[in-house]
Amino acid sequence: MSKKKVVLSYSGGLDTSVILKWLVNKGYDVVCFVGDVGQKDDFETIEKKALKTGASKVYIEDLKEEFVVDFIFPALRGNARYEGRYLLGTSLARPLLAKKQIEIAEKEKAEYVAHGATGKGNDQVRFELTYYALNPNIKVICPWKTPEFLAEFTGRSSLINYAKKWKIPVRATTKKPYSEDENLMHISHEAGILEDPMLRPPENLFTMTTSPQKAPDKETIIEIHFNDGYPVQVVDKNNGNVKTKPLELFMYLNELGSKNGIGRVDMVENRFIGIKSRGVYEAPGATILWLAHRDLEGIAMDKEVMHIRDMLIPKFSELIYNGFWFSPEIDFLMSAFDKSQEAIDGKVVLSLYKGNVNVIGRESPTSLYNPELSSMEVEGGFDATDSQGFININAIRLKAHNLVLRKRKPYDWRKKK
């Protein structure tokens, strides 16, 4: 009888290394999948470790360009920011990883997929909703929600002991101060010492951005060019560097943002399952790109379209955060954003300096800005006397409301018998 095959989303860390061995010991044929989304890992070492731990095969997939083109850019094009601050770096990477994992499962004719996300966090939802959206018949193994696994592994110490028993090399200790998740869009830091919301993160926690205090005492001037809301070119005015390919463009913004201490966020957010958690994020390139795109919309997007679109941003961000990237509602919103971005063309000029990103200029061939109409010095075809009628019409409702309030006697519930 052949073994049941499972494709495991594998990182080489303590949790997934133990899960790999645990699944092998339970009689599964385990195929490991490692997605390269820009994390600084030694993939050759990870592959060797997986095979030594018992994997029958290891897939290492370079997903960086797909991450930028099909996930990061569309999210920033819709101005996604969860709870107004978080740029969704981890939230966007998870559906991509899960998508590729399903593709490998179908290629390997595997009946199962597995992941190492815990039962308290958001990632379990992001992985599993993507699995089911792309393959409704797939079976999911989530050890951290499996009673048998939970009975055997009560915490980090038991994981480390299991790794020692089976001679699995791990660098983890029982006193890791916080956890991290890294990709080319951001790095997140949470848990451990950061669970104290009053604790200022130590400077050595930040690995993607220079401290603003130590950043160069000279501003970097850049231009970002857009077509239909997509970034198509970055020009560094300080040295003349030009980047046009999506991945290179984004990585260069990361480099500039990192050097100038840009993109740090420290916040307490609401997880999908209802738990509040503190996250410290670094997203240098995404922070620059978000602001530039938003600013260009100011000159090139119709007022009413913008205001309706702005009402969609919180829902769009929430859906991404909660794991619904592959859903009919996201498809609907993306279609709306596509329409809103048809004329978002032009360039934005920005100053990067000691943790700050400031827009210092913008121009667009599709600009709706008319300096003559807005000028206080030039009449420009605008008849100021028309404003009186405009105000009078808008005041009708306010006058009627005021008259009703004057006639109405407040109800005193205390006098009711």
Protein backbone atom coordinates (compact mmCIF):
# COMPACT_ATOMS: atom_id res chain seq x y z
CA MET A 1 0.00 0.00 0.00
CA SER A 2 1.45 3.36 -1.07
CA LYS A 3 1.91 6.12 1.47
CA LYS A 4 -0.41 9.12 1.55
CA LYS A 5 1.38 12.07 0.00
CA VAL A 6 1.38 15.54 1.56
CA VAL A 7 2.98 18.77 0.34
CA LEU A 8 4.32 20.72 3.31
CA SER A 9 4.97 24.46 3.25
CA TYR A 10 8.48 24.33 4.70
CA SER A 11 10.81 27.04 5.95
CA GLY A 12 13.56 25.04 7.64
CA GLY A 13 12.78 26.62 11.00
CA LEU A 14 12.02 24.77 14.21
CA ASP A 15 8.26 24.36 13.74
CA THR A 16 8.20 23.10 10.15
CA SER A 17 11.29 20.91 10.70
CA VAL A 18 9.54 19.15 13.59
CA ILE A 19 6.29 18.94 11.60
CA LEU A 20 8.16 17.36 8.69
CA LYS A 21 9.62 14.64 10.90
CA TRP A 22 6.32 14.16 12.73
CA LEU A 23 4.47 13.61 9.45
CA VAL A 24 7.14 11.19 8.23
CA ASN A 25 6.86 9.27 11.50
CA LYS A 26 3.09 9.11 10.99
CA GLY A 27 3.65 7.35 7.68
CA TYR A 28 3.21 10.18 5.18
CA ASP A 29 5.27 10.69 2.04
CA VAL A 30 6.24 14.33 2.58
CA VAL A 31 7.13 16.65 -0.29
CA CYS A 32 8.53 19.96 0.93
CA PHE A 33 7.81 23.27 -0.76
CA VAL A 34 9.93 26.35 -0.09
CA GLY A 35 8.83 29.65 -1.63
CA ASP A 36 11.44 32.35 -2.19
CA VAL A 37 9.58 35.64 -1.68
CA GLY A 38 12.71 37.58 -0.85
CA GLN A 39 13.61 36.27 2.60
CA LYS A 40 17.33 36.06 3.37
CA ASP A 41 17.63 32.27 3.62
CA ASP A 42 20.22 29.75 2.48
CA PHE A 43 17.95 27.69 0.26
CA GLU A 44 20.59 25.09 -0.55
CA THR A 45 21.05 24.38 3.17
CA ILE A 46 17.28 24.28 3.69
CA GLU A 47 16.91 21.73 0.89
CA LYS A 48 19.63 19.49 2.32
CA LYS A 49 18.07 19.72 5.78
CA ALA A 50 14.62 18.77 4.49
CA LEU A 51 15.94 15.72 2.67
CA LYS A 52 18.00 14.66 5.68
CA THR A 53 14.94 15.05 7.93
CA GLY A 54 12.90 12.71 5.73
CA ALA A 55 11.37 14.62 2.81
CA SER A 56 11.07 12.57 -0.38
CA LYS A 57 11.42 15.65 -2.57
CA VAL A 58 11.96 19.40 -2.16
CA TYR A 59 10.66 22.17 -4.42
CA ILE A 60 12.35 25.56 -4.12
CA GLU A 61 10.43 28.13 -6.15
CA ASP A 62 11.59 31.68 -6.95
CA LEU A 63 8.39 33.72 -6.53
CA LYS A 64 9.86 37.21 -6.14
CA GLU A 65 8.81 38.68 -9.47
CA GLU A 66 5.33 37.15 -9.27
CA PHE A 67 5.05 38.56 -5.75
CA VAL A 68 5.77 42.09 -6.98
CA VAL A 69 3.73 42.01 -10.20
CA ASP A 70 0.66 40.04 -9.15
CA PHE A 71 0.34 40.86 -5.45
CA ILE A 72 2.31 43.91 -4.23
CA PHE A 73 1.58 46.23 -7.15
CA PRO A 74 -2.18 45.45 -7.33
CA ALA A 75 -2.51 45.95 -3.55
CA LEU A 76 -0.69 49.29 -3.61
CA ARG A 77 -2.70 50.30 -6.68
CA GLY A 78 -5.77 49.93 -4.47
CA ASN A 79 -4.01 51.86 -1.67
CA ALA A 80 -4.34 48.89 0.70
CA ARG A 81 -3.38 49.63 4.31
CA TYR A 82 -4.91 47.54 7.08
CA GLU A 83 -6.38 49.71 9.86
CA GLY A 84 -4.82 52.70 8.13
CA ARG A 85 -1.21 51.69 8.84
CA TYR A 86 -0.11 48.15 8.01
CA LEU A 87 0.94 47.65 4.36
CA LEU A 88 0.12 43.91 4.46
CA GLY A 89 3.52 42.41 3.62
CA THR A 90 2.86 39.02 5.23
CA SER A 91 -0.82 39.03 4.24
CA LEU A 92 0.10 39.35 0.55
CA ALA A 93 2.83 36.70 0.58
CA ARG A 94 0.68 33.94 2.10
CA PRO A 95 -1.84 33.52 -0.77
CA LEU A 96 1.05 33.41 -3.25
CA LEU A 97 2.80 30.68 -1.26
CA ALA A 98 -0.44 28.73 -0.85
CA LYS A 99 -1.21 29.07 -4.57
CA LYS A 100 2.16 27.60 -5.53
CA GLN A 101 1.75 24.86 -2.92
CA ILE A 102 -1.56 23.81 -4.49
CA GLU A 103 0.07 23.76 -7.93
CA ILE A 104 2.78 21.43 -6.62
CA ALA A 105 0.21 19.23 -4.89
CA GLU A 106 -1.65 18.84 -8.17
CA LYS A 107 1.60 18.11 -10.02
CA GLU A 108 2.59 15.51 -7.40
CA LYS A 109 -0.96 14.11 -7.23
CA ALA A 110 -0.86 14.71 -3.48
CA GLU A 111 -4.07 14.29 -1.54
CA TYR A 112 -2.95 16.56 1.31
CA VAL A 113 -1.25 19.89 1.96
CA ALA A 114 0.14 21.00 5.33
CA HIS A 115 1.46 24.16 6.96
CA GLY A 116 3.02 25.18 10.26
CA ALA A 117 0.83 28.16 11.18
CA THR A 118 -0.57 28.21 14.70
CA GLY A 119 -4.21 28.14 15.74
CA LYS A 120 -4.08 31.67 17.19
CA GLY A 121 -2.78 33.63 14.26
CA ASN A 122 -3.89 34.94 10.87
CA ASP A 123 -1.69 32.76 8.67
CA GLN A 124 -3.69 29.57 9.23
CA VAL A 125 -6.70 31.35 7.72
CA ARG A 126 -4.74 32.82 4.80
CA PHE A 127 -3.21 29.48 3.85
CA GLU A 128 -6.35 27.40 4.22
CA LEU A 129 -8.80 29.77 2.54
CA THR A 130 -6.45 29.89 -0.45
CA TYR A 131 -6.13 26.09 -0.52
CA TYR A 132 -9.89 25.62 -0.60
CA ALA A 133 -10.49 28.47 -3.06
CA LEU A 134 -8.05 26.97 -5.58
CA ASN A 135 -8.73 23.27 -4.94
CA PRO A 136 -12.01 22.58 -3.14
CA ASN A 137 -11.17 18.86 -2.83
CA ILE A 138 -7.80 19.28 -1.12
CA LYS A 139 -7.34 17.90 2.40
CA VAL A 140 -5.48 20.09 4.89
CA ILE A 141 -3.24 18.98 7.74
CA CYS A 142 -2.66 21.70 10.32
CA PRO A 143 -0.68 20.10 13.17
CA TRP A 144 -1.18 23.08 15.48
CA LYS A 145 -4.93 22.38 15.39
CA THR A 146 -4.56 18.58 15.68
CA PRO A 147 -5.25 17.18 19.18
CA GLU A 148 -2.61 14.45 18.82
CA PHE A 149 0.09 16.98 17.90
CA LEU A 150 -0.99 19.43 20.61
CA ALA A 151 -0.83 16.68 23.25
CA GLU A 152 2.74 15.89 22.26
CA PHE A 153 4.00 19.44 21.80
CA THR A 154 3.04 21.82 24.57
CA GLY A 155 5.51 24.58 23.77
CA ARG A 156 8.87 25.55 22.35
CA SER A 157 10.82 23.34 24.79
CA SER A 158 9.05 20.18 23.64
CA LEU A 159 9.71 21.09 19.99
CA ILE A 160 13.42 21.54 20.71
CA ASN A 161 13.54 18.25 22.63
CA TYR A 162 11.88 16.43 19.73
CA ALA A 163 14.39 17.95 17.32
CA LYS A 164 17.28 16.77 19.51
CA LYS A 165 15.78 13.28 19.78
CA TRP A 166 15.62 12.92 15.99
CA LYS A 167 18.91 14.76 15.40
CA ILE A 168 17.28 17.64 13.51
CA PRO A 169 19.68 20.62 13.49
CA VAL A 170 17.94 23.76 14.79
CA ARG A 171 19.27 27.12 15.89
CA ALA A 172 16.27 27.95 18.06
CA THR A 173 16.51 28.44 21.81
CA THR A 174 13.84 28.51 24.48
CA LYS A 175 14.43 32.23 25.02
CA LYS A 176 14.00 33.76 21.58
CA PRO A 177 13.01 37.41 22.30
CA TYR A 178 10.52 37.84 19.41
CA SER A 179 9.39 36.23 16.14
CA GLU A 180 9.92 37.54 12.63
CA ASP A 181 8.56 37.06 9.13
CA GLU A 182 10.54 38.45 6.22
CA ASN A 183 9.98 38.90 2.51
CA LEU A 184 11.00 41.46 -0.08
CA MET A 185 8.06 43.74 0.83
CA HIS A 186 8.70 43.92 4.56
CA ILE A 187 9.84 42.31 7.75
CA SER A 188 7.50 41.92 10.72
CA HIS A 189 8.47 41.57 14.38
CA GLU A 190 6.01 40.37 17.01
CA ALA A 191 5.48 38.34 20.19
CA GLY A 192 8.07 37.76 22.91
CA ILE A 193 9.37 40.98 24.42
CA LEU A 194 7.14 42.97 22.04
CA GLU A 195 4.01 41.74 23.80
CA ASP A 196 4.55 44.63 26.23
CA PRO A 197 2.92 47.49 24.27
CA MET A 198 4.95 50.08 26.23
CA LEU A 199 8.32 48.52 25.41
CA ARG A 200 10.23 50.56 22.88
CA PRO A 201 11.71 48.15 20.32
CA PRO A 202 15.50 47.95 20.71
CA GLU A 203 17.36 49.38 17.74
CA ASN A 204 19.00 46.03 16.99
CA LEU A 205 15.52 44.64 16.25
CA PHE A 206 15.38 46.63 12.99
CA THR A 207 17.15 44.76 10.20
CA MET A 208 15.61 46.24 7.06
CA THR A 209 15.93 49.96 7.79
CA THR A 210 18.64 52.27 9.08
CA SER A 211 17.80 54.27 12.17
CA PRO A 212 16.49 57.69 11.05
CA GLN A 213 18.99 59.26 13.45
CA LYS A 214 21.85 57.55 11.62
CA ALA A 215 20.49 58.03 8.10
CA PRO A 216 22.40 60.36 5.73
CA ASP A 217 22.13 64.06 6.50
CA LYS A 218 21.30 64.68 2.84
CA GLU A 219 17.99 64.20 1.07
CA THR A 220 17.57 61.75 -1.80
CA ILE A 221 15.40 63.05 -4.64
CA ILE A 222 13.60 60.51 -6.80
CA GLU A 223 10.93 60.42 -9.50
CA ILE A 224 8.42 57.60 -9.77
CA HIS A 225 6.56 57.29 -13.07
CA PHE A 226 3.16 55.59 -13.34
CA ASN A 227 0.99 54.26 -16.13
CA ASP A 228 -2.59 53.21 -15.34
CA GLY A 229 -1.63 53.35 -11.66
CA TYR A 230 1.27 50.89 -12.04
CA PRO A 231 4.83 52.08 -11.31
CA VAL A 232 6.85 51.80 -14.51
CA GLN A 233 10.04 53.74 -13.75
CA VAL A 234 12.12 55.06 -10.87
CA VAL A 235 14.70 57.77 -11.48
CA ASP A 236 17.26 58.57 -8.78
CA LYS A 237 18.02 62.26 -9.34
CA ASN A 238 21.07 62.09 -7.05
CA ASN A 239 23.02 59.67 -9.24
CA GLY A 240 21.00 59.20 -12.43
CA ASN A 241 20.07 55.55 -11.80
CA VAL A 242 16.96 54.41 -13.69
CA LYS A 243 14.96 51.26 -12.93
CA THR A 244 12.10 50.02 -15.10
CA LYS A 245 11.67 46.27 -14.50
CA PRO A 246 9.10 45.65 -11.74
CA LEU A 247 11.29 43.58 -9.42
CA GLU A 248 14.38 45.78 -9.89
CA LEU A 249 12.27 48.91 -9.45
CA PHE A 250 10.78 47.68 -6.18
CA MET A 251 14.09 46.42 -4.82
CA TYR A 252 15.71 49.77 -5.60
CA LEU A 253 12.99 51.60 -3.67
CA ASN A 254 13.66 49.19 -0.81
CA GLU A 255 17.35 50.08 -0.96
CA LEU A 256 16.69 53.83 -0.94
CA GLY A 257 14.05 53.59 1.77
CA SER A 258 16.25 51.40 3.94
CA LYS A 259 19.21 53.77 3.68
CA ASN A 260 17.01 56.72 4.64
CA GLY A 261 15.26 55.05 7.59
CA ILE A 262 11.84 54.96 5.94
CA GLY A 263 8.93 52.60 6.55
CA ARG A 264 8.84 51.76 10.27
CA VAL A 265 5.44 51.15 11.87
CA ASP A 266 4.70 50.11 15.47
CA MET A 267 1.04 49.29 16.08
CA VAL A 268 -1.49 47.16 17.92
CA GLU A 269 -3.78 45.55 15.37
CA ASN A 270 -6.88 43.35 15.36
CA ARG A 271 -6.31 39.82 14.12
CA PHE A 272 -9.09 38.17 12.13
CA ILE A 273 -9.86 35.73 14.95
CA GLY A 274 -10.46 38.61 17.40
CA ILE A 275 -7.17 38.78 19.31
CA LYS A 276 -5.28 42.06 19.47
CA SER A 277 -1.56 41.79 18.71
CA ARG A 278 1.34 44.19 18.56
CA GLY A 279 3.34 44.29 15.36
CA VAL A 280 6.48 46.21 14.46
CA TYR A 281 6.95 46.47 10.72
CA GLU A 282 9.58 47.68 8.27
CA ALA A 283 8.42 48.29 4.71
CA PRO A 284 10.70 50.90 3.08
CA GLY A 285 9.93 50.52 -0.64
CA ALA A 286 6.21 49.94 -0.18
CA THR A 287 5.91 53.04 2.02
CA ILE A 288 7.48 55.21 -0.70
CA LEU A 289 5.40 53.68 -3.46
CA TRP A 290 2.11 53.93 -1.55
CA LEU A 291 2.55 57.66 -0.94
CA ALA A 292 3.66 58.43 -4.50
CA HIS A 293 0.72 56.59 -6.04
CA ARG A 294 -1.78 58.17 -3.69
CA ASP A 295 -0.44 61.64 -4.48
CA LEU A 296 -0.68 61.17 -8.24
CA GLU A 297 -4.33 60.22 -7.83
CA GLY A 298 -4.88 63.65 -6.30
CA ILE A 299 -4.12 65.36 -9.60
CA ALA A 300 -5.44 62.76 -12.05
CA MET A 301 -8.52 61.13 -10.47
CA ASP A 302 -12.07 62.49 -10.56
CA LYS A 303 -13.31 63.71 -7.18
CA GLU A 304 -16.40 61.49 -6.91
CA VAL A 305 -14.56 58.41 -8.19
CA MET A 306 -11.88 59.02 -5.56
CA HIS A 307 -14.36 59.42 -2.74
CA ILE A 308 -16.23 56.24 -3.66
CA ARG A 309 -12.95 54.37 -4.12
CA ASP A 310 -11.76 55.59 -0.71
CA MET A 311 -14.79 53.96 0.88
CA LEU A 312 -13.63 50.64 -0.60
CA ILE A 313 -10.05 50.80 0.72
CA PRO A 314 -10.78 49.66 4.31
CA LYS A 315 -12.77 46.67 3.04
CA PHE A 316 -10.13 45.82 0.43
CA SER A 317 -7.39 45.94 3.09
CA GLU A 318 -9.45 43.87 5.52
CA LEU A 319 -10.11 41.19 2.90
CA ILE A 320 -6.40 40.89 2.13
CA TYR A 321 -5.51 40.77 5.83
CA ASN A 322 -8.14 38.11 6.51
CA GLY A 323 -6.99 35.82 3.70
CA PHE A 324 -9.63 36.38 1.02
CA TRP A 325 -7.26 37.25 -1.85
CA PHE A 326 -8.84 34.56 -4.04
CA SER A 327 -12.49 35.51 -3.56
CA PRO A 328 -15.33 36.94 -5.67
CA GLU A 329 -15.38 40.10 -3.58
CA ILE A 330 -11.70 40.79 -4.27
CA ASP A 331 -12.34 40.18 -7.99
CA PHE A 332 -15.13 42.73 -7.84
CA LEU A 333 -12.98 45.33 -6.07
CA MET A 334 -10.06 44.77 -8.44
CA SER A 335 -12.38 45.44 -11.37
CA ALA A 336 -13.47 48.70 -9.75
CA PHE A 337 -9.86 49.70 -9.10
CA ASP A 338 -8.92 48.88 -12.71
CA LYS A 339 -11.54 51.38 -13.88
CA SER A 340 -10.41 54.01 -11.38
CA GLN A 341 -6.79 53.72 -12.52
CA GLU A 342 -7.32 54.15 -16.26
CA ALA A 343 -5.93 57.71 -16.29
CA ILE A 344 -3.50 57.59 -13.37
CA ASP A 345 -0.48 58.45 -15.48
CA GLY A 346 2.45 60.74 -14.82
CA LYS A 347 5.26 61.18 -12.33
CA VAL A 348 5.70 62.11 -8.69
CA VAL A 349 8.85 63.70 -7.29
CA LEU A 350 9.77 62.79 -3.72
CA SER A 351 12.31 63.73 -1.10
CA LEU A 352 13.62 60.95 1.16
CA TYR A 353 15.26 62.20 4.34
CA LYS A 354 15.79 60.70 7.79
CA GLY A 355 12.66 58.57 8.02
CA ASN A 356 10.47 60.97 6.05
CA VAL A 357 8.97 60.70 2.57
CA ASN A 358 7.75 64.05 1.26
CA VAL A 359 6.12 64.65 -2.10
CA ILE A 360 7.65 67.79 -3.63
CA GLY A 361 6.06 67.75 -7.09
CA ARG A 362 3.82 65.90 -9.48
CA GLU A 363 2.67 66.14 -13.09
CA SER A 364 0.31 64.15 -15.26
CA PRO A 365 -0.74 64.20 -18.93
CA THR A 366 -4.22 63.29 -17.67
CA SER A 367 -4.25 65.98 -14.97
CA LEU A 368 -7.62 67.36 -13.92
CA TYR A 369 -5.94 70.25 -12.14
CA ASN A 370 -6.57 73.65 -13.77
CA PRO A 371 -4.41 76.39 -12.24
CA GLU A 372 -6.64 79.10 -13.71
CA LEU A 373 -9.81 77.65 -12.16
CA SER A 374 -8.20 77.27 -8.73
CA SER A 375 -6.27 80.53 -8.73
CA MET A 376 -7.28 83.40 -6.44
CA GLU A 377 -5.65 85.81 -8.87
CA VAL A 378 -7.18 84.71 -12.18
CA GLU A 379 -10.92 84.42 -12.88
CA GLY A 380 -10.28 81.70 -15.48
CA GLY A 381 -13.84 81.26 -16.78
CA PHE A 382 -15.29 80.77 -13.29
CA ASP A 383 -18.15 83.14 -12.40
CA ALA A 384 -17.91 83.77 -8.67
CA THR A 385 -21.55 84.92 -8.52
CA ASP A 386 -22.63 81.32 -9.33
CA SER A 387 -21.37 80.31 -5.91
CA GLN A 388 -24.22 82.16 -4.22
CA GLY A 389 -26.83 79.94 -5.84
CA PHE A 390 -24.75 76.86 -5.05
CA ILE A 391 -24.66 77.83 -1.38
CA ASN A 392 -28.36 78.71 -1.30
CA ILE A 393 -29.37 75.32 -2.68
CA ASN A 394 -27.16 73.44 -0.22
CA ALA A 395 -28.50 75.57 2.66
CA ILE A 396 -32.17 74.59 2.07
CA ARG A 397 -31.79 71.31 3.92
CA LEU A 398 -29.89 72.91 6.81
CA LYS A 399 -32.51 75.64 7.26
CA ALA A 400 -35.35 73.11 7.32
CA HIS A 401 -33.54 71.02 9.89
CA ASN A 402 -32.97 74.04 12.13
CA LEU A 403 -36.65 75.08 11.98
CA VAL A 404 -37.76 71.59 13.04
CA LEU A 405 -35.36 71.62 15.98
CA ARG A 406 -36.71 75.01 17.17
CA LYS A 407 -40.32 73.80 17.13
CA ARG A 408 -39.62 70.48 18.77
CA LYS A 409 -39.80 70.15 22.57
CA PRO A 410 -37.25 67.71 23.98
CA TYR A 411 -38.76 64.56 25.45
CA ASP A 412 -38.11 64.22 29.18
CA TRP A 413 -38.28 60.51 29.99
CA ARG A 414 -37.94 61.27 33.74
CA LYS A 415 -41.43 62.82 33.81
CA LYS A 416 -43.05 59.78 32.21
CA LYS A 417 -45.52 58.13 34.58
